[in-house]
Amino acid sequence: KVIAESLQKISERLDEPQEQKDKNDATPTEETPQPQESTSPPTNENNVSFDQPTSNHQVSGVRAQDQGQATSVAANHRKVFKRQPPSGPSTISFPVQSSAAKSEMTIKVPAGSYLKAKLLTGVEASESRPVPVLLQADYFFVGPNKTKIDLSGCFIIAKSQGNLSIERIEMQTDKISCVSKSGKMFERGLNGFVADGNDSSFGITGIVNSKQSRVASMAFLSSVVQGIGSAIQQAQTSTQTNALGGSSSVITGDQAKHMAAGGVSNAASLVTNWYLQHAQNLLPTINVGSGQDVWLILQDTVDLPNWYFAKPKTQSAQGSFSYLSRLID
């Protein structure tokens, strides 16, 4: 009986691996634990035994879970490295200078340059106030080192004032205006003085017109008339002295002549005073006629636009601009 029981146990043990194998093919004998969610990349900590076979759905579940963890990690990285919108003003603008505001190129006429001009308007100036006068450039400016800048035909406005001590009219230039062949014009302030075209001295020689001489002659005639009237009036009177030493004038001649002579004397006195007051208001002037040649000398540097000196474009290779001379056509 003991031997029979032992043989039966041995037989059951021999048959146990085949049955156990069949059971393993149908259902897993050990359930694999699910990995916990972690922000770290998946590692070989899923408690999966490589010695024991695992089912396909378990492996696919692990892979899906690993892919979910990777997606979560990538999402976290995107949130960390997401670019934040800049703070502050949304638009920053800077003023840009337009090309029209750029200063134009100019040609400088240095101080000391001289120009021959002609007096277009005559002038009769006194010492009391300046009088405007118009000149026209007849020649080009001659600058230092024999440079030439053509401004012939330009108009020049000057201020003139008489000087009786030298019998000349002094002129100070104020403005110059020019028009190019294309029709463009420019005006510039001009600080210079004018010299006589004959002796090249400061100021222009003129003729002194003194109106006081005529007034003085009329005042002299009035005084003569006043004296004659007084003499006639005195001839018709006589002086008498009384006992107390006093004197008195008595009309001894023709009374009508005495009265007429007195009236003429008083009228002549009033006319004389009027002429003297009128002579004080009359100031002498110096006259200079138009058409005289004068010299204009610059005292300060003046800037002129270079487009005024542009020549018509030609096929020559020398260029189309001349900065120091523009020949007269």
Protein backbone atom coordinates (compact mmCIF):
# COMPACT_ATOMS: atom_id res chain seq x y z
CA LYS A 1 0.00 0.00 0.00
CA VAL A 2 2.83 2.32 0.84
CA ILE A 3 4.58 1.44 -2.39
CA ALA A 4 1.37 2.02 -4.35
CA GLU A 5 0.89 5.46 -2.86
CA SER A 6 4.51 6.41 -3.59
CA LEU A 7 4.16 5.34 -7.24
CA GLN A 8 0.96 7.36 -7.58
CA LYS A 9 2.69 10.49 -6.22
CA ILE A 10 5.60 10.00 -8.61
CA SER A 11 3.20 9.61 -11.50
CA GLU A 12 1.38 12.80 -10.54
CA ARG A 13 4.66 14.67 -10.33
CA LEU A 14 5.69 13.44 -13.77
CA ASP A 15 2.40 14.58 -15.25
CA GLU A 16 2.44 17.99 -13.46
CA PRO A 17 4.80 19.96 -15.87
CA GLN A 18 2.65 19.18 -18.93
CA GLU A 19 -0.52 20.31 -17.19
CA GLN A 20 1.22 23.34 -15.80
CA LYS A 21 2.43 24.21 -19.33
CA ASP A 22 -1.09 23.92 -20.67
CA LYS A 23 -2.35 26.22 -17.93
CA ASN A 24 0.36 28.78 -18.71
CA ASP A 25 -0.67 28.86 -22.40
CA ALA A 26 -4.25 29.62 -21.46
CA THR A 27 -3.81 32.26 -18.64
CA PRO A 28 -0.78 33.89 -17.09
CA THR A 29 0.33 32.47 -13.86
CA GLU A 30 1.72 35.78 -12.53
CA GLU A 31 0.17 39.21 -13.05
CA THR A 32 2.71 41.87 -13.91
CA PRO A 33 2.36 44.98 -11.72
CA GLN A 34 1.53 48.25 -13.60
CA PRO A 35 4.28 50.86 -13.47
CA GLN A 36 3.51 54.05 -11.55
CA GLU A 37 3.34 57.41 -13.41
CA SER A 38 6.58 59.27 -13.24
CA THR A 39 7.98 62.39 -14.92
CA SER A 40 11.29 60.58 -15.49
CA PRO A 41 11.90 58.63 -18.70
CA PRO A 42 10.83 54.94 -18.61
CA THR A 43 13.43 52.48 -17.36
CA ASN A 44 13.63 48.72 -16.85
CA GLU A 45 11.74 48.92 -13.55
CA ASN A 46 8.40 47.50 -14.76
CA ASN A 47 8.94 44.21 -12.85
CA VAL A 48 8.69 42.22 -16.06
CA SER A 49 10.53 38.95 -15.87
CA PHE A 50 12.47 38.23 -19.02
CA ASP A 51 12.67 34.58 -18.03
CA GLN A 52 8.89 34.13 -18.07
CA PRO A 53 6.88 34.70 -21.21
CA THR A 54 4.44 37.60 -21.22
CA SER A 55 1.33 38.02 -23.26
CA ASN A 56 1.08 40.39 -26.23
CA HIS A 57 -1.55 42.62 -24.67
CA GLN A 58 0.62 43.13 -21.59
CA VAL A 59 3.59 44.22 -23.71
CA SER A 60 1.45 46.54 -25.82
CA GLY A 61 -0.01 48.06 -22.64
CA VAL A 62 3.45 48.75 -21.30
CA ARG A 63 4.50 50.35 -24.58
CA ALA A 64 1.39 52.52 -24.69
CA GLN A 65 1.96 53.60 -21.13
CA ASP A 66 5.59 54.41 -21.93
CA GLN A 67 4.49 56.48 -24.94
CA GLY A 68 2.00 58.36 -22.72
CA GLN A 69 4.74 59.12 -20.23
CA ALA A 70 6.98 60.40 -23.04
CA THR A 71 4.16 62.59 -24.37
CA SER A 72 3.57 63.98 -20.87
CA VAL A 73 7.28 64.72 -20.45
CA ALA A 74 7.40 66.46 -23.87
CA ALA A 75 4.35 68.50 -22.95
CA ASN A 76 6.00 69.54 -19.71
CA HIS A 77 9.12 70.56 -21.65
CA ARG A 78 7.02 72.61 -24.07
CA LYS A 79 5.42 74.43 -21.18
CA VAL A 80 8.80 75.18 -19.65
CA PHE A 81 10.42 76.45 -22.85
CA LYS A 82 7.37 78.27 -24.23
CA ARG A 83 8.33 81.79 -25.35
CA GLN A 84 6.61 84.45 -23.31
CA PRO A 85 5.28 87.56 -25.07
CA PRO A 86 7.51 90.63 -24.54
CA SER A 87 6.41 93.18 -22.00
CA GLY A 88 6.35 96.95 -22.57
CA PRO A 89 5.13 99.02 -25.51
CA SER A 90 4.01 97.03 -28.51
CA THR A 91 5.45 99.50 -31.04
CA ILE A 92 8.68 101.49 -30.87
CA SER A 93 9.12 104.18 -33.52
CA PHE A 94 12.11 106.34 -34.30
CA PRO A 95 11.92 109.61 -36.30
CA VAL A 96 13.66 109.26 -39.63
CA GLN A 97 14.89 112.34 -41.40
CA SER A 98 13.50 112.52 -44.90
CA SER A 99 15.69 113.16 -47.89
CA ALA A 100 13.91 116.47 -48.53
CA ALA A 101 15.15 117.82 -45.20
CA LYS A 102 18.76 117.27 -46.11
CA SER A 103 20.67 120.46 -46.65
CA GLU A 104 21.55 121.25 -50.23
CA MET A 105 25.13 121.45 -51.40
CA THR A 106 26.45 125.00 -51.54
CA ILE A 107 29.38 126.92 -52.93
CA LYS A 108 31.08 129.37 -50.57
CA VAL A 109 32.12 132.81 -51.79
CA PRO A 110 34.88 133.87 -49.37
CA ALA A 111 35.13 137.25 -47.71
CA GLY A 112 37.15 139.82 -49.64
CA SER A 113 35.80 138.76 -53.03
CA TYR A 114 34.87 141.74 -55.21
CA LEU A 115 32.39 142.28 -58.01
CA LYS A 116 31.86 144.98 -60.60
CA ALA A 117 28.27 146.27 -60.61
CA LYS A 118 26.19 149.06 -62.10
CA LEU A 119 23.90 151.44 -60.25
CA LEU A 120 20.41 150.96 -61.71
CA THR A 121 18.58 153.54 -59.59
CA GLY A 122 19.81 157.01 -58.77
CA VAL A 123 19.78 158.15 -55.17
CA GLU A 124 19.64 161.42 -53.27
CA ALA A 125 20.53 160.62 -49.71
CA SER A 126 20.82 162.71 -46.59
CA GLU A 127 22.55 162.08 -43.31
CA SER A 128 19.31 161.56 -41.40
CA ARG A 129 18.13 158.14 -42.68
CA PRO A 130 19.24 155.37 -45.08
CA VAL A 131 17.72 155.04 -48.54
CA PRO A 132 17.46 151.76 -50.57
CA VAL A 133 19.18 151.46 -53.93
CA LEU A 134 19.30 148.76 -56.64
CA LEU A 135 22.46 147.46 -58.34
CA GLN A 136 23.09 144.84 -61.01
CA ALA A 137 26.14 142.59 -61.21
CA ASP A 138 28.01 143.17 -64.49
CA TYR A 139 30.89 140.81 -63.85
CA PHE A 140 31.70 137.67 -61.89
CA PHE A 141 33.05 137.60 -58.37
CA VAL A 142 36.82 137.54 -58.24
CA GLY A 143 37.89 135.58 -55.18
CA PRO A 144 41.22 134.74 -53.58
CA ASN A 145 43.87 133.01 -55.72
CA LYS A 146 42.26 134.32 -58.93
CA THR A 147 39.13 132.21 -58.58
CA LYS A 148 36.01 133.40 -60.40
CA ILE A 149 32.36 132.81 -59.58
CA ASP A 150 29.96 134.08 -62.21
CA LEU A 151 26.95 135.99 -60.86
CA SER A 152 26.49 138.38 -63.77
CA GLY A 153 22.94 139.68 -64.13
CA CYS A 154 21.99 139.17 -60.48
CA PHE A 155 20.26 142.00 -58.61
CA ILE A 156 21.64 143.45 -55.38
CA ILE A 157 19.75 145.55 -52.82
CA ALA A 158 21.84 148.02 -50.81
CA LYS A 159 21.26 150.75 -48.22
CA SER A 160 22.72 154.20 -48.90
CA GLN A 161 23.33 157.18 -46.62
CA GLY A 162 24.99 160.52 -47.29
CA ASN A 163 28.14 161.77 -45.61
CA LEU A 164 28.61 165.53 -45.99
CA SER A 165 32.07 165.53 -44.49
CA ILE A 166 33.47 163.58 -47.47
CA GLU A 167 30.66 164.48 -49.91
CA ARG A 168 30.03 160.81 -50.73
CA ILE A 169 27.20 158.33 -50.43
CA GLU A 170 28.05 155.26 -48.37
CA MET A 171 26.36 151.99 -49.38
CA GLN A 172 25.98 148.73 -47.46
CA THR A 173 24.74 145.66 -49.37
CA ASP A 174 21.78 143.79 -47.92
CA LYS A 175 20.52 141.03 -50.28
CA ILE A 176 21.28 139.35 -53.61
CA SER A 177 18.79 137.51 -55.86
CA CYS A 178 19.50 135.38 -58.94
CA VAL A 179 17.49 133.30 -61.43
CA SER A 180 19.03 130.35 -63.28
CA LYS A 181 18.43 129.43 -66.91
CA SER A 182 16.00 126.71 -65.81
CA GLY A 183 13.85 129.27 -63.98
CA LYS A 184 14.88 128.45 -60.41
CA MET A 185 15.68 131.38 -58.17
CA PHE A 186 17.41 131.98 -54.86
CA GLU A 187 17.93 134.85 -52.44
CA ARG A 188 20.80 135.24 -50.00
CA GLY A 189 21.81 137.82 -47.46
CA LEU A 190 24.87 139.77 -48.57
CA ASN A 191 27.11 141.72 -46.21
CA GLY A 192 29.47 144.01 -48.08
CA PHE A 193 30.24 147.63 -48.98
CA VAL A 194 30.39 149.64 -52.21
CA ALA A 195 33.38 151.58 -53.55
CA ASP A 196 33.51 154.21 -56.28
CA GLY A 197 34.19 152.87 -59.75
CA ASN A 198 36.55 155.76 -60.64
CA ASP A 199 38.91 156.07 -57.68
CA SER A 200 38.01 152.74 -55.94
CA SER A 201 37.53 154.58 -52.64
CA PHE A 202 34.91 153.84 -50.04
CA GLY A 203 31.61 155.49 -50.95
CA ILE A 204 30.39 157.00 -54.21
CA THR A 205 31.23 160.59 -55.09
CA GLY A 206 28.11 162.73 -55.53
CA ILE A 207 26.87 166.28 -55.84
CA VAL A 208 25.95 168.12 -52.66
CA ASN A 209 22.55 169.80 -52.82
CA SER A 210 22.27 172.41 -50.07
CA LYS A 211 18.80 173.95 -50.03
CA GLN A 212 19.64 176.18 -47.10
CA SER A 213 21.36 178.77 -49.28
CA ARG A 214 18.11 179.75 -51.01
CA VAL A 215 16.29 179.95 -47.71
CA ALA A 216 19.10 181.97 -46.19
CA SER A 217 19.00 184.46 -49.09
CA MET A 218 15.27 184.95 -48.65
CA ALA A 219 15.76 185.49 -44.93
CA PHE A 220 18.42 188.11 -45.72
CA LEU A 221 16.09 190.00 -48.05
CA SER A 222 13.40 189.96 -45.38
CA SER A 223 15.84 191.40 -42.89
CA VAL A 224 16.75 194.18 -45.33
CA VAL A 225 13.10 195.04 -45.79
CA GLN A 226 12.65 195.05 -42.04
CA GLY A 227 15.57 197.45 -41.64
CA ILE A 228 14.30 199.83 -44.34
CA GLY A 229 10.89 199.95 -42.72
CA SER A 230 12.39 200.68 -39.33
CA ALA A 231 14.49 203.52 -40.84
CA ILE A 232 11.48 205.14 -42.49
CA GLN A 233 9.53 204.86 -39.25
CA GLN A 234 12.31 206.52 -37.27
CA ALA A 235 12.51 209.38 -39.82
CA GLN A 236 8.93 210.37 -39.08
CA THR A 237 9.51 210.66 -35.32
CA SER A 238 11.57 212.84 -33.01
CA THR A 239 12.75 212.37 -29.46
CA GLN A 240 11.99 214.97 -26.80
CA THR A 241 13.52 215.21 -23.28
CA ASN A 242 11.53 216.65 -20.36
CA ALA A 243 12.77 218.46 -17.22
CA LEU A 244 12.99 215.27 -15.20
CA GLY A 245 15.40 213.68 -17.71
CA GLY A 246 12.88 211.42 -19.35
CA SER A 247 12.53 211.02 -23.14
CA SER A 248 9.62 210.32 -25.42
CA SER A 249 9.13 209.80 -29.16
CA VAL A 250 6.84 212.13 -30.92
CA ILE A 251 5.64 211.86 -34.52
CA THR A 252 6.76 215.05 -36.17
CA GLY A 253 6.55 213.97 -39.83
CA ASP A 254 3.93 212.32 -41.97
CA GLN A 255 1.89 210.02 -39.79
CA ALA A 256 0.80 207.81 -42.74
CA LYS A 257 4.38 207.14 -43.72
CA HIS A 258 5.20 206.32 -40.12
CA MET A 259 2.41 203.74 -39.91
CA ALA A 260 3.23 202.13 -43.28
CA ALA A 261 6.89 201.84 -42.44
CA GLY A 262 6.04 200.21 -39.10
CA GLY A 263 3.80 197.62 -40.79
CA VAL A 264 6.42 196.74 -43.37
CA SER A 265 9.05 196.35 -40.68
CA ASN A 266 6.90 193.98 -38.60
CA ALA A 267 5.93 191.85 -41.63
CA ALA A 268 9.52 191.59 -42.75
CA SER A 269 10.46 190.43 -39.23
CA LEU A 270 7.87 187.65 -39.32
CA VAL A 271 9.01 186.49 -42.77
CA THR A 272 12.61 186.44 -41.62
CA ASN A 273 11.79 184.24 -38.63
CA TRP A 274 9.79 181.83 -40.85
CA TYR A 275 12.66 181.44 -43.30
CA LEU A 276 15.11 180.79 -40.48
CA GLN A 277 12.91 178.04 -39.01
CA HIS A 278 12.39 176.53 -42.46
CA ALA A 279 16.13 176.55 -43.08
CA GLN A 280 16.68 174.52 -39.91
CA ASN A 281 14.36 171.77 -41.24
CA LEU A 282 15.97 171.64 -44.66
CA LEU A 283 18.92 169.21 -44.66
CA PRO A 284 21.49 169.04 -47.42
CA THR A 285 21.57 165.90 -49.60
CA ILE A 286 24.06 164.19 -51.90
CA ASN A 287 22.91 163.13 -55.34
CA VAL A 288 24.29 160.23 -57.39
CA GLY A 289 22.81 159.44 -60.79
CA SER A 290 22.05 155.99 -62.19
CA GLY A 291 24.33 154.11 -64.56
CA GLN A 292 27.55 154.60 -62.60
CA ASP A 293 29.99 151.72 -62.27
CA VAL A 294 30.85 150.68 -58.74
CA TRP A 295 32.78 147.93 -56.96
CA LEU A 296 31.13 145.62 -54.45
CA ILE A 297 33.38 144.00 -51.82
CA LEU A 298 32.21 141.17 -49.52
CA GLN A 299 32.81 141.43 -45.79
CA ASP A 300 31.44 137.98 -44.86
CA THR A 301 31.33 134.58 -46.56
CA VAL A 302 28.13 133.82 -48.48
CA ASP A 303 26.78 130.37 -49.44
CA LEU A 304 25.33 129.92 -52.94
CA PRO A 305 23.46 126.82 -54.23
CA ASN A 306 25.54 124.73 -56.62
CA TRP A 307 22.58 124.01 -58.94
CA TYR A 308 22.75 127.63 -60.11
CA PHE A 309 26.11 126.94 -61.75
CA ALA A 310 24.92 123.80 -63.57
CA LYS A 311 25.77 123.71 -67.27
CA PRO A 312 23.59 122.04 -69.90
CA LYS A 313 24.46 118.37 -70.25
CA THR A 314 26.82 117.68 -73.15
CA GLN A 315 28.52 114.60 -74.51
CA SER A 316 31.90 115.76 -73.35
CA ALA A 317 33.63 113.79 -70.63
CA GLN A 318 34.47 116.86 -68.57
CA GLY A 319 31.24 116.70 -66.57
CA SER A 320 28.20 118.93 -66.49
CA PHE A 321 28.97 121.17 -63.49
CA SER A 322 31.36 124.05 -62.99
CA TYR A 323 31.74 125.22 -59.41
CA LEU A 324 34.08 128.18 -59.83
CA SER A 325 33.19 129.66 -63.20
CA ARG A 326 30.15 129.73 -65.45
CA LEU A 327 31.01 131.37 -68.76
CA ILE A 328 28.65 133.94 -70.17
CA ASP A 329 26.82 132.68 -73.23
